[in-house]
Amino acid sequence: MNLFKVGDKIIYPNQGIGVIEDIQLESYFGEEFKIYHVRILTNDTLVLVPFSNADEIGIRKPITSSKVDTIFGFMSEGTVDVTMNWKGRYREHVDLMRSGTVLDVAQVFKGLYYLNSIKPLSFREKKMMEKAKDLIVTEISEVSSLSEQAIEQRLFESLSSCFKGKADRLNF
């Protein structure tokens, strides 16, 4: 179970980086609960998260700087598994985005990036691809000394090298 303290930066699945602003004991229906007050930095929203639900929701600490190369390695190598059924693919991607792990989000981004290169994406998938990119870029920027622009450029360079002239990279 993750134990956070006031001031800790966390990753809130599908929302991005947040900061634990306060931890309070609050009473609801005669019971006391420990509540994290999390400020989501991208939209300045305050979210109240019961301590007992933090793991279930997927709140976690940001990746370590040593994991950054793993993410770029994943983006620049290997195949992409994409379900061609739009409905099934969208459900898979929603589940991966909710998991909150950076590798799951990277898998969504990589798959949609490749799919976008061979056919037009739906409006929802375009939005999801943009969201996945933003989540990856902001988390890596938080743990590295690189700017968001430099990370985004490196991300696209990694993807370009992965898919350059390789029509066999897509697994259906």
N, C-alpha and C. Protein backbone atom coordinates (compact mmCIF):
# COMPACT_ATOMS: atom_id res chain seq x y z
N MET A 1 0.85 -1.19 0.00
CA MET A 1 0.00 0.00 0.00
C MET A 1 0.89 1.24 0.00
N ASN A 2 0.57 2.17 -0.88
CA ASN A 2 1.33 3.41 -0.98
C ASN A 2 1.01 4.33 0.19
N LEU A 3 2.04 4.85 0.80
CA LEU A 3 1.87 5.85 1.84
C LEU A 3 2.46 7.14 1.33
N PHE A 4 1.63 8.14 1.20
CA PHE A 4 2.07 9.43 0.71
C PHE A 4 2.03 10.43 1.85
N LYS A 5 2.81 11.48 1.69
CA LYS A 5 2.78 12.56 2.68
C LYS A 5 2.52 13.88 1.96
N VAL A 6 2.16 14.88 2.72
CA VAL A 6 1.87 16.19 2.14
C VAL A 6 3.09 16.67 1.36
N GLY A 7 2.83 17.14 0.14
CA GLY A 7 3.90 17.64 -0.73
C GLY A 7 4.38 16.63 -1.75
N ASP A 8 4.03 15.35 -1.57
CA ASP A 8 4.45 14.33 -2.53
C ASP A 8 3.76 14.55 -3.88
N LYS A 9 4.54 14.37 -4.94
CA LYS A 9 3.95 14.38 -6.28
C LYS A 9 3.54 12.95 -6.59
N ILE A 10 2.37 12.82 -7.18
CA ILE A 10 1.83 11.51 -7.51
C ILE A 10 1.31 11.52 -8.94
N ILE A 11 1.06 10.32 -9.45
CA ILE A 11 0.42 10.18 -10.76
C ILE A 11 -0.98 9.65 -10.49
N TYR A 12 -1.97 10.42 -10.95
CA TYR A 12 -3.37 10.02 -10.85
C TYR A 12 -3.75 9.48 -12.22
N PRO A 13 -4.14 8.20 -12.30
CA PRO A 13 -4.41 7.59 -13.61
C PRO A 13 -5.36 8.42 -14.47
N ASN A 14 -4.97 8.57 -15.71
CA ASN A 14 -5.74 9.26 -16.75
C ASN A 14 -5.89 10.76 -16.49
N GLN A 15 -5.25 11.27 -15.44
CA GLN A 15 -5.30 12.70 -15.14
C GLN A 15 -3.93 13.34 -15.16
N GLY A 16 -2.91 12.61 -14.74
CA GLY A 16 -1.56 13.14 -14.77
C GLY A 16 -1.00 13.39 -13.39
N ILE A 17 -0.12 14.38 -13.33
CA ILE A 17 0.60 14.67 -12.09
C ILE A 17 -0.28 15.45 -11.13
N GLY A 18 -0.20 15.04 -9.88
CA GLY A 18 -0.91 15.73 -8.82
C GLY A 18 0.01 15.89 -7.62
N VAL A 19 -0.42 16.70 -6.68
CA VAL A 19 0.35 16.92 -5.46
C VAL A 19 -0.57 16.65 -4.28
N ILE A 20 -0.05 15.93 -3.29
CA ILE A 20 -0.82 15.73 -2.06
C ILE A 20 -0.76 17.04 -1.29
N GLU A 21 -1.88 17.76 -1.24
CA GLU A 21 -1.91 19.05 -0.55
C GLU A 21 -2.20 18.91 0.94
N ASP A 22 -2.96 17.88 1.29
CA ASP A 22 -3.35 17.71 2.69
C ASP A 22 -3.79 16.28 2.90
N ILE A 23 -3.69 15.82 4.14
CA ILE A 23 -4.21 14.52 4.54
C ILE A 23 -5.02 14.78 5.79
N GLN A 24 -6.30 14.45 5.73
CA GLN A 24 -7.18 14.74 6.86
C GLN A 24 -8.00 13.52 7.24
N LEU A 25 -8.40 13.51 8.51
CA LEU A 25 -9.39 12.55 8.97
C LEU A 25 -10.74 13.23 8.85
N GLU A 26 -11.62 12.60 8.10
CA GLU A 26 -12.94 13.19 7.89
C GLU A 26 -14.01 12.17 8.26
N SER A 27 -15.11 12.65 8.80
CA SER A 27 -16.21 11.78 9.22
C SER A 27 -17.30 11.77 8.18
N TYR A 28 -17.72 10.57 7.81
CA TYR A 28 -18.84 10.36 6.91
C TYR A 28 -19.70 9.25 7.50
N PHE A 29 -20.95 9.55 7.69
CA PHE A 29 -21.91 8.58 8.21
C PHE A 29 -21.44 7.94 9.52
N GLY A 30 -20.82 8.75 10.36
CA GLY A 30 -20.39 8.27 11.67
C GLY A 30 -19.07 7.52 11.67
N GLU A 31 -18.44 7.37 10.53
CA GLU A 31 -17.14 6.69 10.46
C GLU A 31 -16.07 7.69 10.05
N GLU A 32 -14.85 7.47 10.56
CA GLU A 32 -13.74 8.35 10.20
C GLU A 32 -12.91 7.71 9.10
N PHE A 33 -12.54 8.53 8.13
CA PHE A 33 -11.73 8.07 7.01
C PHE A 33 -10.55 9.01 6.83
N LYS A 34 -9.40 8.43 6.50
CA LYS A 34 -8.23 9.22 6.15
C LYS A 34 -8.37 9.58 4.67
N ILE A 35 -8.30 10.87 4.36
CA ILE A 35 -8.54 11.35 3.00
C ILE A 35 -7.33 12.13 2.49
N TYR A 36 -6.86 11.75 1.29
CA TYR A 36 -5.84 12.54 0.60
C TYR A 36 -6.54 13.65 -0.15
N HIS A 37 -6.02 14.87 -0.04
CA HIS A 37 -6.48 15.99 -0.85
C HIS A 37 -5.42 16.15 -1.95
N VAL A 38 -5.79 15.78 -3.17
CA VAL A 38 -4.85 15.77 -4.30
C VAL A 38 -5.21 16.89 -5.26
N ARG A 39 -4.23 17.73 -5.56
CA ARG A 39 -4.39 18.80 -6.54
C ARG A 39 -3.83 18.30 -7.86
N ILE A 40 -4.68 18.15 -8.87
CA ILE A 40 -4.25 17.75 -10.21
C ILE A 40 -3.67 19.00 -10.88
N LEU A 41 -2.41 18.92 -11.29
CA LEU A 41 -1.72 20.12 -11.78
C LEU A 41 -2.18 20.58 -13.15
N THR A 42 -2.60 19.67 -14.02
CA THR A 42 -2.95 20.08 -15.38
C THR A 42 -4.19 20.96 -15.44
N ASN A 43 -5.14 20.74 -14.51
CA ASN A 43 -6.37 21.53 -14.56
C ASN A 43 -6.72 22.18 -13.22
N ASP A 44 -5.81 22.11 -12.26
CA ASP A 44 -5.96 22.75 -10.95
C ASP A 44 -7.22 22.26 -10.22
N THR A 45 -7.53 20.99 -10.37
CA THR A 45 -8.69 20.39 -9.72
C THR A 45 -8.27 19.76 -8.40
N LEU A 46 -9.10 19.89 -7.38
CA LEU A 46 -8.87 19.23 -6.11
C LEU A 46 -9.71 17.96 -6.07
N VAL A 47 -9.04 16.82 -5.84
CA VAL A 47 -9.71 15.53 -5.77
C VAL A 47 -9.50 14.97 -4.37
N LEU A 48 -10.57 14.49 -3.76
CA LEU A 48 -10.48 13.86 -2.45
C LEU A 48 -10.46 12.36 -2.64
N VAL A 49 -9.40 11.72 -2.16
CA VAL A 49 -9.22 10.28 -2.35
C VAL A 49 -9.11 9.60 -1.00
N PRO A 50 -10.03 8.71 -0.68
CA PRO A 50 -9.89 7.94 0.56
C PRO A 50 -8.61 7.13 0.55
N PHE A 51 -7.89 7.16 1.64
CA PHE A 51 -6.64 6.42 1.79
C PHE A 51 -6.83 4.96 1.38
N SER A 52 -7.93 4.36 1.79
CA SER A 52 -8.18 2.94 1.52
C SER A 52 -8.41 2.66 0.03
N ASN A 53 -8.71 3.67 -0.78
CA ASN A 53 -8.97 3.48 -2.21
C ASN A 53 -7.79 3.87 -3.10
N ALA A 54 -6.74 4.41 -2.53
CA ALA A 54 -5.63 4.93 -3.33
C ALA A 54 -5.02 3.86 -4.23
N ASP A 55 -4.80 2.66 -3.70
CA ASP A 55 -4.22 1.59 -4.52
C ASP A 55 -5.19 1.12 -5.59
N GLU A 56 -6.45 1.00 -5.23
CA GLU A 56 -7.47 0.55 -6.17
C GLU A 56 -7.60 1.52 -7.34
N ILE A 57 -7.54 2.80 -7.05
CA ILE A 57 -7.62 3.83 -8.08
C ILE A 57 -6.38 3.81 -8.97
N GLY A 58 -5.25 3.43 -8.39
CA GLY A 58 -4.01 3.36 -9.16
C GLY A 58 -3.09 4.53 -8.94
N ILE A 59 -3.33 5.30 -7.89
CA ILE A 59 -2.43 6.42 -7.58
C ILE A 59 -1.07 5.85 -7.25
N ARG A 60 -0.05 6.45 -7.84
CA ARG A 60 1.32 5.96 -7.64
C ARG A 60 2.31 7.11 -7.68
N LYS A 61 3.52 6.81 -7.28
CA LYS A 61 4.60 7.79 -7.39
C LYS A 61 5.05 7.83 -8.85
N PRO A 62 5.61 8.96 -9.30
CA PRO A 62 6.13 9.02 -10.67
C PRO A 62 7.25 8.00 -10.88
N ILE A 63 7.47 7.65 -12.13
CA ILE A 63 8.55 6.71 -12.43
C ILE A 63 9.88 7.31 -12.01
N THR A 64 10.88 6.47 -11.86
CA THR A 64 12.22 6.96 -11.56
C THR A 64 12.90 7.37 -12.86
N SER A 65 13.90 8.20 -12.75
CA SER A 65 14.59 8.67 -13.96
C SER A 65 15.25 7.51 -14.70
N SER A 66 15.57 6.43 -14.00
CA SER A 66 16.18 5.27 -14.66
C SER A 66 15.19 4.55 -15.58
N LYS A 67 13.89 4.74 -15.38
CA LYS A 67 12.87 4.10 -16.23
C LYS A 67 12.63 4.85 -17.53
N VAL A 68 13.12 6.07 -17.63
CA VAL A 68 12.88 6.89 -18.82
C VAL A 68 13.42 6.20 -20.07
N ASP A 69 14.62 5.64 -20.00
CA ASP A 69 15.19 4.96 -21.16
C ASP A 69 14.37 3.72 -21.54
N THR A 70 13.76 3.07 -20.54
CA THR A 70 12.90 1.92 -20.81
C THR A 70 11.71 2.35 -21.67
N ILE A 71 11.13 3.50 -21.34
CA ILE A 71 9.97 4.00 -22.10
C ILE A 71 10.38 4.30 -23.54
N PHE A 72 11.49 5.01 -23.71
CA PHE A 72 11.92 5.33 -25.08
C PHE A 72 12.33 4.07 -25.84
N GLY A 73 12.90 3.10 -25.14
CA GLY A 73 13.24 1.83 -25.78
C GLY A 73 12.00 1.11 -26.27
N PHE A 74 10.96 1.09 -25.45
CA PHE A 74 9.68 0.48 -25.84
C PHE A 74 9.11 1.17 -27.06
N MET A 75 9.22 2.50 -27.10
CA MET A 75 8.66 3.25 -28.22
C MET A 75 9.43 3.01 -29.52
N SER A 76 10.71 2.74 -29.43
CA SER A 76 11.51 2.63 -30.65
C SER A 76 11.68 1.20 -31.16
N GLU A 77 11.20 0.21 -30.42
CA GLU A 77 11.40 -1.18 -30.82
C GLU A 77 10.10 -1.98 -30.75
N GLY A 78 10.12 -3.11 -31.42
CA GLY A 78 9.05 -4.07 -31.28
C GLY A 78 7.85 -3.87 -32.18
N THR A 79 6.90 -4.75 -31.99
CA THR A 79 5.67 -4.71 -32.77
C THR A 79 4.58 -4.01 -31.98
N VAL A 80 3.48 -3.79 -32.66
CA VAL A 80 2.32 -3.15 -32.04
C VAL A 80 1.13 -4.08 -32.21
N ASP A 81 0.45 -4.36 -31.13
CA ASP A 81 -0.77 -5.17 -31.20
C ASP A 81 -1.95 -4.22 -31.22
N VAL A 82 -2.70 -4.25 -32.32
CA VAL A 82 -3.85 -3.37 -32.46
C VAL A 82 -5.04 -4.21 -32.92
N THR A 83 -6.11 -4.13 -32.17
CA THR A 83 -7.36 -4.78 -32.56
C THR A 83 -8.01 -3.93 -33.64
N MET A 84 -8.39 -4.54 -34.74
CA MET A 84 -8.96 -3.76 -35.82
C MET A 84 -10.43 -3.40 -35.58
N ASN A 85 -11.12 -4.14 -34.72
CA ASN A 85 -12.48 -3.80 -34.34
C ASN A 85 -12.43 -2.55 -33.49
N TRP A 86 -13.02 -1.46 -33.97
CA TRP A 86 -12.94 -0.16 -33.29
C TRP A 86 -13.43 -0.24 -31.86
N LYS A 87 -14.56 -0.86 -31.65
CA LYS A 87 -15.17 -0.92 -30.33
C LYS A 87 -14.28 -1.69 -29.34
N GLY A 88 -13.77 -2.82 -29.77
CA GLY A 88 -12.88 -3.61 -28.92
C GLY A 88 -11.57 -2.89 -28.62
N ARG A 89 -11.03 -2.26 -29.65
CA ARG A 89 -9.78 -1.52 -29.50
C ARG A 89 -9.97 -0.36 -28.52
N TYR A 90 -11.07 0.36 -28.65
CA TYR A 90 -11.32 1.50 -27.77
C TYR A 90 -11.45 1.05 -26.31
N ARG A 91 -12.16 -0.05 -26.09
CA ARG A 91 -12.30 -0.58 -24.72
C ARG A 91 -10.95 -0.97 -24.14
N GLU A 92 -10.13 -1.65 -24.93
CA GLU A 92 -8.79 -2.04 -24.48
C GLU A 92 -7.99 -0.81 -24.09
N HIS A 93 -8.04 0.21 -24.93
CA HIS A 93 -7.28 1.42 -24.67
C HIS A 93 -7.78 2.17 -23.44
N VAL A 94 -9.09 2.22 -23.25
CA VAL A 94 -9.64 2.86 -22.05
C VAL A 94 -9.14 2.14 -20.80
N ASP A 95 -9.15 0.82 -20.82
CA ASP A 95 -8.67 0.05 -19.67
C ASP A 95 -7.19 0.29 -19.41
N LEU A 96 -6.40 0.34 -20.47
CA LEU A 96 -4.97 0.61 -20.31
C LEU A 96 -4.72 2.02 -19.76
N MET A 97 -5.48 2.99 -20.23
CA MET A 97 -5.32 4.36 -19.74
C MET A 97 -5.69 4.45 -18.26
N ARG A 98 -6.71 3.72 -17.84
CA ARG A 98 -7.15 3.74 -16.44
C ARG A 98 -6.17 3.03 -15.51
N SER A 99 -5.36 2.12 -16.06
CA SER A 99 -4.43 1.39 -15.21
C SER A 99 -3.43 2.33 -14.55
N GLY A 100 -3.08 3.39 -15.29
CA GLY A 100 -2.19 4.39 -14.73
C GLY A 100 -0.71 4.12 -14.90
N THR A 101 -0.32 2.93 -15.35
CA THR A 101 1.11 2.69 -15.52
C THR A 101 1.59 3.37 -16.79
N VAL A 102 2.77 3.89 -16.74
CA VAL A 102 3.28 4.64 -17.88
C VAL A 102 3.49 3.73 -19.09
N LEU A 103 3.83 2.46 -18.87
CA LEU A 103 4.01 1.55 -20.00
C LEU A 103 2.67 1.22 -20.67
N ASP A 104 1.60 1.13 -19.90
CA ASP A 104 0.28 0.91 -20.51
C ASP A 104 -0.14 2.12 -21.34
N VAL A 105 0.10 3.31 -20.81
CA VAL A 105 -0.23 4.54 -21.55
C VAL A 105 0.63 4.63 -22.81
N ALA A 106 1.91 4.24 -22.69
CA ALA A 106 2.80 4.23 -23.85
C ALA A 106 2.32 3.24 -24.91
N GLN A 107 1.79 2.11 -24.47
CA GLN A 107 1.25 1.12 -25.41
C GLN A 107 0.08 1.70 -26.19
N VAL A 108 -0.79 2.43 -25.51
CA VAL A 108 -1.92 3.07 -26.18
C VAL A 108 -1.42 4.09 -27.19
N PHE A 109 -0.49 4.93 -26.77
CA PHE A 109 0.02 5.97 -27.66
C PHE A 109 0.70 5.35 -28.89
N LYS A 110 1.53 4.35 -28.66
CA LYS A 110 2.25 3.71 -29.76
C LYS A 110 1.28 3.07 -30.76
N GLY A 111 0.28 2.37 -30.25
CA GLY A 111 -0.69 1.73 -31.12
C GLY A 111 -1.49 2.73 -31.93
N LEU A 112 -1.96 3.80 -31.28
CA LEU A 112 -2.75 4.81 -31.99
C LEU A 112 -1.89 5.60 -32.97
N TYR A 113 -0.64 5.86 -32.60
CA TYR A 113 0.27 6.57 -33.50
C TYR A 113 0.44 5.78 -34.79
N TYR A 114 0.66 4.47 -34.64
CA TYR A 114 0.85 3.65 -35.83
C TYR A 114 -0.44 3.56 -36.64
N LEU A 115 -1.54 3.33 -35.95
CA LEU A 115 -2.83 3.23 -36.64
C LEU A 115 -3.13 4.53 -37.40
N ASN A 116 -2.80 5.66 -36.80
CA ASN A 116 -3.01 6.96 -37.44
C ASN A 116 -2.17 7.10 -38.71
N SER A 117 -1.05 6.40 -38.76
CA SER A 117 -0.20 6.50 -39.95
C SER A 117 -0.73 5.67 -41.11
N ILE A 118 -1.65 4.72 -40.83
CA ILE A 118 -2.17 3.89 -41.91
C ILE A 118 -3.64 4.15 -42.22
N LYS A 119 -4.36 4.82 -41.31
CA LYS A 119 -5.75 5.15 -41.57
C LYS A 119 -6.18 6.27 -40.63
N PRO A 120 -7.21 7.01 -41.00
CA PRO A 120 -7.67 8.09 -40.12
C PRO A 120 -8.26 7.54 -38.83
N LEU A 121 -7.94 8.20 -37.72
CA LEU A 121 -8.50 7.83 -36.43
C LEU A 121 -9.83 8.53 -36.22
N SER A 122 -10.68 7.92 -35.39
CA SER A 122 -11.93 8.57 -35.01
C SER A 122 -11.59 9.76 -34.10
N PHE A 123 -12.56 10.63 -33.91
CA PHE A 123 -12.36 11.78 -33.03
C PHE A 123 -11.95 11.34 -31.63
N ARG A 124 -12.62 10.33 -31.09
CA ARG A 124 -12.30 9.83 -29.74
C ARG A 124 -10.88 9.30 -29.66
N GLU A 125 -10.48 8.55 -30.70
CA GLU A 125 -9.13 8.00 -30.68
C GLU A 125 -8.07 9.09 -30.83
N LYS A 126 -8.35 10.11 -31.61
CA LYS A 126 -7.41 11.23 -31.72
C LYS A 126 -7.22 11.90 -30.35
N LYS A 127 -8.35 12.10 -29.65
CA LYS A 127 -8.28 12.70 -28.31
C LYS A 127 -7.51 11.80 -27.34
N MET A 128 -7.74 10.50 -27.43
CA MET A 128 -7.04 9.57 -26.55
C MET A 128 -5.55 9.55 -26.84
N MET A 129 -5.19 9.59 -28.14
CA MET A 129 -3.78 9.61 -28.50
C MET A 129 -3.11 10.87 -27.94
N GLU A 130 -3.77 12.00 -28.06
CA GLU A 130 -3.23 13.26 -27.54
C GLU A 130 -3.08 13.20 -26.02
N LYS A 131 -4.08 12.64 -25.34
CA LYS A 131 -4.06 12.51 -23.88
C LYS A 131 -2.91 11.60 -23.45
N ALA A 132 -2.75 10.48 -24.13
CA ALA A 132 -1.68 9.55 -23.81
C ALA A 132 -0.31 10.21 -23.98
N LYS A 133 -0.16 10.94 -25.08
CA LYS A 133 1.11 11.65 -25.32
C LYS A 133 1.38 12.65 -24.20
N ASP A 134 0.36 13.43 -23.84
CA ASP A 134 0.53 14.42 -22.78
C ASP A 134 0.90 13.78 -21.45
N LEU A 135 0.26 12.67 -21.11
CA LEU A 135 0.56 11.99 -19.85
C LEU A 135 2.00 11.49 -19.82
N ILE A 136 2.45 10.91 -20.92
CA ILE A 136 3.83 10.41 -21.00
C ILE A 136 4.82 11.56 -20.90
N VAL A 137 4.59 12.60 -21.69
CA VAL A 137 5.52 13.73 -21.75
C VAL A 137 5.61 14.43 -20.39
N THR A 138 4.49 14.68 -19.74
CA THR A 138 4.55 15.40 -18.46
C THR A 138 5.21 14.56 -17.37
N GLU A 139 4.97 13.25 -17.36
CA GLU A 139 5.61 12.43 -16.33
C GLU A 139 7.11 12.34 -16.55
N ILE A 140 7.53 12.13 -17.79
CA ILE A 140 8.97 12.06 -18.06
C ILE A 140 9.63 13.40 -17.77
N SER A 141 8.96 14.48 -18.12
CA SER A 141 9.50 15.81 -17.85
C SER A 141 9.67 16.04 -16.35
N GLU A 142 8.75 15.52 -15.57
CA GLU A 142 8.80 15.69 -14.12
C GLU A 142 10.02 15.00 -13.51
N VAL A 143 10.40 13.85 -14.05
CA VAL A 143 11.48 13.08 -13.44
C VAL A 143 12.83 13.25 -14.14
N SER A 144 12.86 13.97 -15.25
CA SER A 144 14.12 14.17 -15.96
C SER A 144 14.43 15.66 -16.03
N SER A 145 15.56 15.94 -16.57
CA SER A 145 15.97 17.35 -16.70
C SER A 145 15.61 17.91 -18.07
N LEU A 146 14.82 17.17 -18.84
CA LEU A 146 14.47 17.59 -20.19
C LEU A 146 13.17 18.40 -20.20
N SER A 147 13.06 19.30 -21.15
CA SER A 147 11.82 20.07 -21.31
C SER A 147 10.77 19.19 -21.97
N GLU A 148 9.51 19.59 -21.85
CA GLU A 148 8.43 18.84 -22.48
C GLU A 148 8.60 18.80 -24.00
N GLN A 149 9.07 19.89 -24.59
CA GLN A 149 9.28 19.92 -26.04
C GLN A 149 10.36 18.92 -26.46
N ALA A 150 11.43 18.84 -25.69
CA ALA A 150 12.52 17.91 -26.01
C ALA A 150 12.05 16.47 -25.87
N ILE A 151 11.24 16.19 -24.86
CA ILE A 151 10.73 14.84 -24.65
C ILE A 151 9.78 14.46 -25.78
N GLU A 152 8.90 15.38 -26.16
CA GLU A 152 7.96 15.11 -27.25
C GLU A 152 8.71 14.84 -28.54
N GLN A 153 9.75 15.60 -28.82
CA GLN A 153 10.54 15.39 -30.03
C GLN A 153 11.21 14.02 -29.99
N ARG A 154 11.79 13.66 -28.84
CA ARG A 154 12.45 12.35 -28.71
C ARG A 154 11.43 11.22 -28.84
N LEU A 155 10.25 11.43 -28.32
CA LEU A 155 9.18 10.44 -28.41
C LEU A 155 8.82 10.17 -29.87
N PHE A 156 8.62 11.23 -30.64
CA PHE A 156 8.27 11.06 -32.05
C PHE A 156 9.43 10.49 -32.85
N GLU A 157 10.66 10.83 -32.50
CA GLU A 157 11.82 10.25 -33.17
C GLU A 157 11.90 8.75 -32.90
N SER A 158 11.62 8.35 -31.65
CA SER A 158 11.62 6.93 -31.30
C SER A 158 10.56 6.17 -32.07
N LEU A 159 9.37 6.73 -32.16
CA LEU A 159 8.30 6.08 -32.90
C LEU A 159 8.62 6.01 -34.39
N SER A 160 9.19 7.06 -34.93
CA SER A 160 9.55 7.06 -36.35
C SER A 160 10.57 5.97 -36.66
N SER A 161 11.55 5.80 -35.78
CA SER A 161 12.55 4.76 -36.02
C SER A 161 11.95 3.37 -35.88
N CYS A 162 10.95 3.22 -35.04
CA CYS A 162 10.29 1.93 -34.85
C CYS A 162 9.53 1.52 -36.12
N PHE A 163 8.84 2.47 -36.73
CA PHE A 163 7.95 2.15 -37.84
C PHE A 163 8.53 2.46 -39.21
N LYS A 164 9.74 2.94 -39.27
CA LYS A 164 10.34 3.33 -40.54
C LYS A 164 10.47 2.13 -41.48
N GLY A 165 9.65 2.15 -42.52
CA GLY A 165 9.73 1.12 -43.56
C GLY A 165 9.41 -0.28 -43.08
N LYS A 166 8.63 -0.39 -42.03
CA LYS A 166 8.35 -1.71 -41.48
C LYS A 166 6.86 -1.97 -41.46
N ALA A 167 6.32 -2.40 -42.57
CA ALA A 167 4.88 -2.68 -42.65
C ALA A 167 4.50 -3.89 -41.82
N ASP A 168 5.48 -4.73 -41.45
CA ASP A 168 5.18 -5.94 -40.67
C ASP A 168 5.09 -5.67 -39.17
N ARG A 169 5.17 -4.44 -38.76
CA ARG A 169 5.15 -4.12 -37.33
C ARG A 169 3.75 -4.20 -36.71
N LEU A 170 2.73 -4.29 -37.50
CA LEU A 170 1.37 -4.30 -36.98
C LEU A 170 0.86 -5.73 -36.88
N ASN A 171 0.48 -6.14 -35.68
CA ASN A 171 -0.11 -7.47 -35.47
C ASN A 171 -1.60 -7.33 -35.26
N PHE A 172 -2.38 -8.06 -36.02
CA PHE A 172 -3.83 -8.00 -35.88
C PHE A 172 -4.33 -9.17 -35.07
